[in-house]
Protein backbone atom coordinates (compact mmCIF):
# COMPACT_ATOMS: atom_id res chain seq x y z
CA UNK A 1 66.05 -22.33 54.13
CA UNK A 2 64.61 -19.18 52.53
CA UNK A 3 64.47 -19.82 48.37
CA UNK A 4 66.63 -17.77 46.33
CA UNK A 5 63.55 -16.27 44.71
CA UNK A 6 63.02 -14.55 47.78
CA UNK A 7 66.71 -13.35 48.47
CA UNK A 8 67.34 -11.73 45.21
CA UNK A 9 63.84 -9.64 46.05
CA UNK A 10 64.66 -8.79 48.95
CA UNK A 11 67.34 -6.69 47.27
CA UNK A 12 66.41 -2.75 46.88
CA UNK A 13 64.89 -1.97 44.03
CA UNK A 14 67.47 0.17 42.62
CA UNK A 15 70.19 -2.43 42.87
CA UNK A 16 67.82 -4.99 41.47
CA UNK A 17 67.28 -2.44 38.61
CA UNK A 18 70.87 -2.15 38.03
CA UNK A 19 71.19 -5.80 37.75
CA UNK A 20 69.04 -6.27 35.27
CA UNK A 21 70.00 -3.39 33.09
CA UNK A 22 73.23 -5.35 32.97
CA UNK A 23 71.18 -8.12 31.38
CA UNK A 24 69.49 -6.32 28.84
CA UNK A 25 71.29 -7.10 25.95
CA UNK A 26 71.53 -10.55 27.10
CA UNK A 27 67.90 -12.28 25.68
CA UNK A 28 68.48 -15.63 27.23
CA UNK A 29 69.19 -14.38 30.72
CA UNK A 30 66.28 -12.66 30.80
CA UNK A 31 64.19 -15.27 30.00
CA UNK A 32 65.50 -17.79 32.17
CA UNK A 33 65.12 -14.85 35.32
CA UNK A 34 61.84 -14.33 34.00
CA UNK A 35 60.71 -17.95 34.43
CA UNK A 36 61.86 -17.84 38.02
CA UNK A 37 58.66 -16.70 39.28
CA UNK A 38 56.12 -14.14 38.51
CA UNK A 39 57.55 -10.74 40.28
CA UNK A 40 60.78 -11.56 37.93
CA UNK A 41 59.09 -12.09 34.83
CA UNK A 42 57.43 -8.52 35.25
CA UNK A 43 60.61 -6.86 36.71
CA UNK A 44 62.40 -8.41 33.50
CA UNK A 45 59.64 -8.07 30.89
CA UNK A 46 60.32 -4.25 29.89
CA UNK A 47 64.29 -5.17 30.03
CA UNK A 48 63.59 -8.08 27.52
CA UNK A 49 61.37 -5.44 25.17
CA UNK A 50 63.77 -2.90 24.25
CA UNK A 51 65.27 -4.40 21.61
CA UNK A 52 62.97 -6.03 19.14
CA UNK A 53 63.45 -8.30 16.21
CA UNK A 54 61.14 -10.62 14.47
CA UNK A 55 62.67 -10.65 10.79
CA UNK A 56 63.44 -12.20 7.90
CA UNK A 57 64.76 -9.76 5.89
CA UNK A 58 68.22 -9.79 7.43
CA UNK A 59 68.96 -13.39 7.37
CA UNK A 60 70.88 -13.50 4.42
CA UNK A 61 69.79 -13.86 1.01
CA UNK A 62 65.91 -14.48 0.18
CA UNK A 63 64.73 -17.16 -2.53
CA UNK A 64 64.08 -14.89 -5.64
CA UNK A 65 63.40 -15.18 -9.09
CA UNK A 66 65.14 -13.22 -11.68
CA UNK A 67 64.30 -12.56 -15.80
CA UNK A 68 67.49 -12.32 -17.69
CA UNK A 69 66.63 -8.64 -19.13
CA UNK A 70 64.15 -7.63 -16.64
CA UNK A 71 65.41 -8.84 -12.87
CA UNK A 72 62.01 -9.17 -11.47
CA UNK A 73 63.11 -9.66 -6.98
CA UNK A 74 60.76 -10.81 -5.16
CA UNK A 75 61.37 -11.78 -1.52
CA UNK A 76 59.80 -15.48 -0.72
CA UNK A 77 58.80 -16.60 2.46
CA UNK A 78 60.79 -19.92 2.44
CA UNK A 79 61.60 -22.82 4.71
CA UNK A 80 65.16 -22.30 3.56
CA UNK A 81 65.62 -18.72 4.31
CA UNK A 82 63.05 -17.72 6.83
CA UNK A 83 63.44 -18.20 10.85
CA UNK A 84 61.43 -21.21 12.24
CA UNK A 85 58.10 -19.89 13.44
CA UNK A 86 59.01 -16.03 12.85
CA UNK A 87 55.05 -15.70 12.42
CA UNK A 88 53.77 -17.93 15.34
CA UNK A 89 56.42 -15.33 17.36
CA UNK A 90 55.39 -12.02 15.57
CA UNK A 91 51.34 -12.94 17.02
CA UNK A 92 53.05 -13.70 20.54
CA UNK A 93 54.15 -10.04 20.40
CA UNK A 94 50.69 -9.13 19.69
CA UNK A 95 49.04 -10.91 21.82
CA UNK A 96 51.47 -9.54 24.75
CA UNK A 97 50.81 -5.91 23.31
CA UNK A 98 47.20 -6.37 23.31
CA UNK A 99 47.00 -8.06 26.51
CA UNK A 100 49.37 -5.53 27.91
CA UNK A 101 49.73 -2.45 26.59
CA UNK A 102 51.29 -0.49 29.22
CA UNK A 103 54.58 -2.65 28.15
CA UNK A 104 54.54 -0.73 24.56
CA UNK A 105 56.61 1.70 26.01
CA UNK A 106 58.97 -0.27 26.69
CA UNK A 107 59.80 -0.69 23.09
CA UNK A 108 63.13 0.93 21.67
CA UNK A 109 64.08 -1.21 18.69
CA UNK A 110 62.16 -2.82 16.28
CA UNK A 111 62.84 -5.14 13.60
CA UNK A 112 59.96 -6.22 11.95
CA UNK A 113 59.14 -8.23 8.64
CA UNK A 114 55.69 -7.65 7.63
CA UNK A 115 54.82 -11.09 6.41
CA UNK A 116 51.17 -11.21 7.73
CA UNK A 117 50.61 -14.85 7.00
CA UNK A 118 52.39 -18.25 6.84
CA UNK A 119 53.11 -19.35 3.51
CA UNK A 120 50.36 -22.41 4.08
CA UNK A 121 47.51 -20.27 5.30
CA UNK A 122 44.98 -18.49 2.70
CA UNK A 123 44.22 -15.24 5.09
CA UNK A 124 44.74 -12.75 7.84
CA UNK A 125 43.59 -13.90 11.46
CA UNK A 126 42.03 -12.29 14.50
CA UNK A 127 45.55 -11.18 16.14
CA UNK A 128 46.91 -10.43 12.61
CA UNK A 129 44.26 -7.71 12.32
CA UNK A 130 45.61 -6.05 16.09
CA UNK A 131 48.58 -5.39 14.14
CA UNK A 132 48.17 -1.22 13.37
CA UNK A 133 46.34 -1.07 17.02
CA UNK A 134 49.88 -2.60 18.45
CA UNK A 135 52.35 -0.40 16.07
CA UNK A 136 50.49 3.38 17.06
CA UNK A 137 51.37 1.86 20.66
CA UNK A 138 54.71 1.95 20.33
CA UNK A 139 55.70 5.83 20.53
CA UNK A 140 59.01 5.11 22.06
CA UNK A 141 60.96 3.17 19.39
CA UNK A 142 63.82 4.79 18.00
CA UNK A 143 65.48 2.41 15.54
CA UNK A 144 62.83 0.82 13.25
CA UNK A 145 64.01 -1.45 10.43
CA UNK A 146 61.24 -2.67 8.33
CA UNK A 147 60.72 -4.61 5.24
CA UNK A 148 57.70 -6.24 3.61
CA UNK A 149 56.64 -9.78 2.34
CA UNK A 150 53.49 -9.50 0.35
CA UNK A 151 52.32 -12.44 -0.42
CA UNK A 152 48.45 -11.48 0.56
CA UNK A 153 48.90 -8.24 -1.41
CA UNK A 154 45.12 -8.06 -2.63
CA UNK A 155 44.47 -7.83 1.02
CA UNK A 156 42.94 -4.27 1.81
CA UNK A 157 43.81 -4.37 5.62
CA UNK A 158 47.72 -4.24 5.06
CA UNK A 159 47.07 -0.66 3.39
CA UNK A 160 44.71 0.37 5.98
CA UNK A 161 47.55 1.79 8.66
CA UNK A 162 46.92 4.97 10.69
CA UNK A 163 48.22 8.32 9.44
CA UNK A 164 51.27 8.18 12.01
CA UNK A 165 53.41 5.39 13.04
CA UNK A 166 56.71 5.98 15.07
CA UNK A 167 57.04 9.36 15.84
CA UNK A 168 60.21 9.32 18.23
CA UNK A 169 62.27 7.62 15.39
CA UNK A 170 65.74 8.42 15.03
CA UNK A 171 67.25 5.38 12.68
CA UNK A 172 64.98 4.35 10.29
CA UNK A 173 65.51 1.56 7.53
CA UNK A 174 62.77 0.97 5.08
CA UNK A 175 63.22 -1.84 2.66
CA UNK A 176 61.96 -3.19 -1.24
CA UNK A 177 58.83 -2.52 -1.36
CA UNK A 178 56.50 -1.11 0.70
CA UNK A 179 52.80 0.79 0.83
CA UNK A 180 53.27 4.30 0.39
CA UNK A 181 51.09 5.14 2.82
CA UNK A 182 52.87 3.22 5.43
CA UNK A 183 55.96 5.19 4.47
CA UNK A 184 54.05 8.20 4.61
CA UNK A 185 52.61 7.93 8.01
CA UNK A 186 56.56 7.10 9.75
CA UNK A 187 58.08 10.03 7.68
CA UNK A 188 55.24 12.55 8.70
CA UNK A 189 55.19 11.37 12.51
CA UNK A 190 58.93 11.39 13.27
CA UNK A 191 60.61 14.26 14.23
CA UNK A 192 62.70 15.35 11.77
CA UNK A 193 65.27 17.55 13.97
CA UNK A 194 65.88 14.25 15.96
CA UNK A 195 66.72 12.07 12.68
CA UNK A 196 70.41 11.07 12.13
CA UNK A 197 70.37 8.20 10.19
CA UNK A 198 68.39 7.07 7.97
CA UNK A 199 68.36 4.37 5.19
CA UNK A 200 66.79 3.86 2.08
CA UNK A 201 67.33 0.27 1.17
CA UNK A 202 66.34 -0.62 -2.56
CA UNK A 203 62.79 1.53 -1.51
CA UNK A 204 59.84 0.54 -4.23
CA UNK A 205 56.47 1.96 -4.57
CA UNK A 206 54.25 -0.53 -5.29
CA UNK A 207 51.67 -0.21 -8.29
CA UNK A 208 48.64 2.04 -7.00
CA UNK A 209 45.49 3.34 -8.20
CA UNK A 210 44.10 6.58 -7.61
CA UNK A 211 41.84 4.98 -5.04
CA UNK A 212 44.66 3.18 -3.04
CA UNK A 213 43.97 -0.18 -4.81
CA UNK A 214 46.97 -2.55 -5.70
CA UNK A 215 47.64 -2.20 -9.35
CA UNK A 216 48.16 -5.32 -11.56
CA UNK A 217 52.00 -5.98 -13.33
CA UNK A 218 49.64 -5.67 -16.37
CA UNK A 219 48.20 -2.41 -15.85
CA UNK A 220 52.11 -1.24 -14.78
CA UNK A 221 53.68 -2.11 -17.37
CA UNK A 222 51.13 -1.18 -20.28
CA UNK A 223 50.99 1.96 -19.06
CA UNK A 224 53.66 3.11 -16.37
CA UNK A 225 55.89 5.28 -18.78
CA UNK A 226 52.96 6.83 -20.59
CA UNK A 227 51.72 9.74 -17.79
CA UNK A 228 51.85 13.21 -17.23
CA UNK A 229 55.13 13.77 -14.79
CA UNK A 230 54.00 17.77 -14.43
CA UNK A 231 52.87 17.79 -10.56
CA UNK A 232 53.29 14.58 -10.22
CA UNK A 233 53.79 14.67 -6.21
CA UNK A 234 50.23 16.29 -5.65
CA UNK A 235 48.20 14.43 -7.75
CA UNK A 236 48.84 11.62 -6.56
CA UNK A 237 48.58 12.91 -2.97
CA UNK A 238 45.06 14.13 -4.04
CA UNK A 239 44.46 10.83 -5.83
CA UNK A 240 44.28 12.24 -9.13
CA UNK A 241 46.77 10.20 -10.56
CA UNK A 242 48.24 6.37 -10.18
CA UNK A 243 51.23 5.60 -8.10
CA UNK A 244 52.85 3.57 -10.56
CA UNK A 245 56.06 1.04 -9.57
CA UNK A 246 59.91 1.90 -9.46
CA UNK A 247 62.31 3.80 -6.95
CA UNK A 248 60.16 5.38 -3.67
CA UNK A 249 61.15 9.31 -3.50
CA UNK A 250 58.21 10.75 -1.97
CA UNK A 251 60.25 10.26 1.69
CA UNK A 252 63.10 12.40 0.47
CA UNK A 253 60.59 14.79 -1.31
CA UNK A 254 59.09 14.90 2.89
CA UNK A 255 62.53 15.09 4.51
CA UNK A 256 63.75 18.02 1.91
CA UNK A 257 61.07 20.09 3.03
CA UNK A 258 61.76 20.06 6.92
CA UNK A 259 64.19 20.78 8.61
CA UNK A 260 66.66 17.84 9.86
CA UNK A 261 69.81 19.90 11.36
CA UNK A 262 71.79 16.15 13.48
CA UNK A 263 71.46 14.14 10.31
CA UNK A 264 74.92 12.68 10.21
CA UNK A 265 74.44 9.49 7.72
CA UNK A 266 72.40 8.59 4.85
CA UNK A 267 72.26 6.21 3.03
CA UNK A 268 70.29 5.71 -0.23
CA UNK A 269 70.32 2.49 -2.77
CA UNK A 270 68.41 1.63 -5.97
CA UNK A 271 67.56 -1.14 -7.16
CA UNK A 272 68.50 -2.57 -10.18
CA UNK A 273 66.79 -0.52 -13.32
CA UNK A 274 63.56 -2.55 -14.87
CA UNK A 275 62.31 -1.03 -17.87
CA UNK A 276 58.69 -2.57 -17.33
CA UNK A 277 58.78 0.38 -13.93
CA UNK A 278 58.37 3.68 -14.21
CA UNK A 279 61.14 5.83 -15.29
CA UNK A 280 59.62 9.22 -14.48
CA UNK A 281 60.40 7.41 -10.57
CA UNK A 282 63.87 6.99 -11.27
CA UNK A 283 64.77 10.55 -12.66
CA UNK A 284 62.07 11.94 -10.28
CA UNK A 285 64.22 10.18 -6.95
CA UNK A 286 67.79 11.43 -8.64
CA UNK A 287 66.39 15.22 -8.07
CA UNK A 288 64.87 14.42 -4.55
CA UNK A 289 68.45 12.65 -3.99
CA UNK A 290 70.08 16.17 -4.81
CA UNK A 291 67.70 17.62 -2.85
CA UNK A 292 67.88 16.67 0.32
CA UNK A 293 71.87 16.44 0.05
CA UNK A 294 71.13 20.39 -0.72
CA UNK A 295 69.22 20.60 2.87
CA UNK A 296 71.87 18.40 5.12
CA UNK A 297 75.18 19.61 4.34
CA UNK A 298 76.21 21.10 6.66
CA UNK A 299 76.47 17.70 9.51
CA UNK A 300 76.46 15.65 7.19
CA UNK A 301 79.30 13.55 7.85
CA UNK A 302 78.79 9.94 6.32
CA UNK A 303 77.16 9.51 2.90
CA UNK A 304 76.78 6.06 0.83
CA UNK A 305 75.05 6.17 -2.72
CA UNK A 306 74.65 2.75 -4.70
CA UNK A 307 72.80 3.21 -7.86
CA UNK A 308 70.96 -0.37 -8.64
CA UNK A 309 74.02 -1.84 -11.18
CA UNK A 310 72.94 -4.98 -13.29
CA UNK A 311 75.42 -7.39 -13.77
CA UNK A 312 73.42 -8.32 -17.16
CA UNK A 313 75.06 -5.50 -19.21
CA UNK A 314 79.10 -5.51 -18.17
CA UNK A 315 78.72 -9.51 -18.73
CA UNK A 316 80.91 -10.18 -21.99
CA UNK A 317 80.01 -13.99 -21.44
CA UNK A 318 76.67 -14.31 -21.53
CA UNK A 319 74.61 -15.75 -24.90
CA UNK A 320 72.75 -12.53 -26.18
CA UNK A 321 69.60 -14.09 -27.20
CA UNK A 322 68.23 -11.26 -27.40
CA UNK A 323 70.36 -8.70 -29.20
CA UNK A 324 67.62 -5.24 -30.09
CA UNK A 325 66.67 -6.00 -26.73
CA UNK A 326 69.54 -5.87 -25.17
CA UNK A 327 70.78 -2.91 -26.98
CA UNK A 328 68.01 -1.11 -25.48
CA UNK A 329 68.67 -2.80 -22.31
CA UNK A 330 71.66 -1.11 -21.79
CA UNK A 331 70.84 2.28 -23.02
CA UNK A 332 68.66 2.84 -20.80
CA UNK A 333 71.04 1.80 -17.50
CA UNK A 334 73.35 4.81 -19.52
CA UNK A 335 70.69 7.62 -19.74
CA UNK A 336 70.10 6.66 -15.95
CA UNK A 337 73.32 6.38 -15.10
CA UNK A 338 74.62 9.05 -16.37
CA UNK A 339 71.74 11.36 -14.86
CA UNK A 340 72.09 10.19 -11.41
CA UNK A 341 75.98 10.47 -11.51
CA UNK A 342 75.45 13.71 -12.73
CA UNK A 343 73.39 15.44 -10.38
CA UNK A 344 75.71 13.54 -7.60
CA UNK A 345 78.80 15.66 -8.82
CA UNK A 346 77.51 18.90 -9.30
CA UNK A 347 75.69 19.02 -5.96
CA UNK A 348 79.53 17.40 -3.91
CA UNK A 349 81.08 19.68 -6.56
CA UNK A 350 79.50 23.27 -5.56
CA UNK A 351 77.71 22.64 -2.11
CA UNK A 352 79.47 23.14 1.10
CA UNK A 353 80.03 19.53 2.53
CA UNK A 354 82.45 20.96 5.61
CA UNK A 355 81.53 18.02 8.07
CA UNK A 356 81.70 15.12 5.64
CA UNK A 357 84.43 12.92 5.82
CA UNK A 358 82.99 9.21 4.23
CA UNK A 359 81.97 8.88 1.00
CA UNK A 360 80.59 5.57 -0.82
CA UNK A 361 79.34 5.90 -4.46
CA UNK A 362 79.11 2.68 -6.32
CA UNK A 363 77.23 1.13 -9.08
CA UNK A 364 78.39 3.55 -11.98
CA UNK A 365 80.49 0.79 -13.98
CA UNK A 366 78.47 0.79 -16.56
CA UNK A 367 79.56 4.49 -17.66
CA UNK A 368 82.92 3.38 -17.93
CA UNK A 369 82.27 1.03 -20.13
CA UNK A 370 80.32 2.64 -22.89
CA UNK A 371 82.23 3.39 -26.52
CA UNK A 372 83.13 6.98 -27.61
CA UNK A 373 80.05 6.54 -30.00
CA UNK A 374 77.80 6.55 -26.84
CA UNK A 375 79.81 9.17 -24.90
CA UNK A 376 78.76 11.45 -27.86
CA UNK A 377 75.31 10.31 -28.72
CA UNK A 378 74.33 10.62 -25.21
CA UNK A 379 76.42 13.03 -24.62
CA UNK A 380 78.47 11.96 -21.39
CA UNK A 381 81.81 13.59 -21.81
CA UNK A 382 80.96 15.60 -18.88
CA UNK A 383 80.20 13.62 -16.42
CA UNK A 384 84.65 12.74 -16.51
CA UNK A 385 85.07 16.38 -16.41
CA UNK A 386 82.80 17.16 -13.48
CA UNK A 387 84.43 14.11 -11.72
CA UNK A 388 87.47 15.83 -12.40
CA UNK A 389 86.29 18.78 -10.55
CA UNK A 390 84.78 16.31 -7.90
CA UNK A 391 87.80 15.30 -5.03
CA UNK A 392 84.68 13.70 -3.17
CA UNK A 393 83.89 11.28 -6.18
CA UNK A 394 86.94 10.58 -8.38
CA UNK A 395 86.07 8.51 -11.71
CA UNK A 396 87.92 5.90 -10.48
CA UNK A 397 86.22 4.90 -7.32
CA UNK A 398 82.29 5.88 -8.49
CA UNK A 399 82.57 3.94 -11.34
CA UNK A 400 83.89 0.45 -10.44
CA UNK A 401 81.88 -2.14 -9.57
CA UNK A 402 79.44 -2.50 -6.86
CA UNK A 403 80.83 -4.84 -4.09
CA UNK A 404 77.40 -6.69 -4.04
CA UNK A 405 75.83 -8.10 -6.76
CA UNK A 406 72.26 -6.99 -7.39
CA UNK A 407 70.46 -10.04 -6.07
CA UNK A 408 71.63 -9.49 -2.49
CA UNK A 409 69.12 -7.21 -1.48
CA UNK A 410 67.87 -8.81 1.95
CA UNK A 411 71.51 -8.59 3.67
CA UNK A 412 71.81 -5.91 6.85
CA UNK A 413 73.70 -3.00 5.10
């Protein structure tokens, strides 16, 4: 009797491909089919590779370290939250792409957490050093969801990415602390006229000296707010200025200068305010957000802006152990929230967003808690007036408490 694999392979190739097409989102079925024989493995592999998810950042809350007044949120590669054998599976993918570079073109969707090494390892392996070569071959990825965990922040290789990566991306999500050189490689490579959905989820600049070397936390705390903001982007780009930690605004700067004609959805969420980061990054991020929104006003249909609201400020039940510090912390939160909301209201009130049907603005609740003397001293009275004249962002909506707590930074939007 003829074997079942042979009878299946006797089907016309177009019919067999239609069968596999129906199974492209059923990974288990495709894996079982590929185990039947070598011929079916070769046929099923392109369908298996269409969607690659080798990540941990969308699996719920990561273990974090939080300081009461300066929330320093760090993802931890712990057994409690990470998928089992994540690094092992990432390395298996890298080996496959290295041995079979011809199949790299089949990857259409990539979700990846740059973990680099397992928690019990001290350094990179030989296959880890192939990551940038593999990523450079993924030229047909349309959906990219990328985050990074910095366990080996001083390892030079992780910052030596190619200058061009993922040129076909149309749906992009970048999350948390990412090396600016990696973000620049992605943003500068994609075709802005094909970009539909950019999402910057608490995207943060990591500290770096002008030569690209990582900056220590002590140096960042000491010097972050003391440098000039004049020509900052060009000086950082040419290596004449350091990059201090804080919200990353450079992707918005680049995209604002290019035509993003089909863009329909934009999401931006800033991390909670931290007085140890560079305040220029916050104000520059706000300005670049408004500039970017102005360039996509005719096509934008959905807008989501979440300011990283820190619940410590509005929680009156907490024991005040450092009153002066708390007052300063609260004051800067109000100043930053006011500046961001003011710039948003101005552009949403006076610019034609003819296609915009969905607006979600959250995280400005601290403004609604300002005392009369704070409203006067910080010149906040104009914001309520601006909100009254903006149908897209009424005061009651934008000053409600954010639905998601500030520490839930690694959940899927």
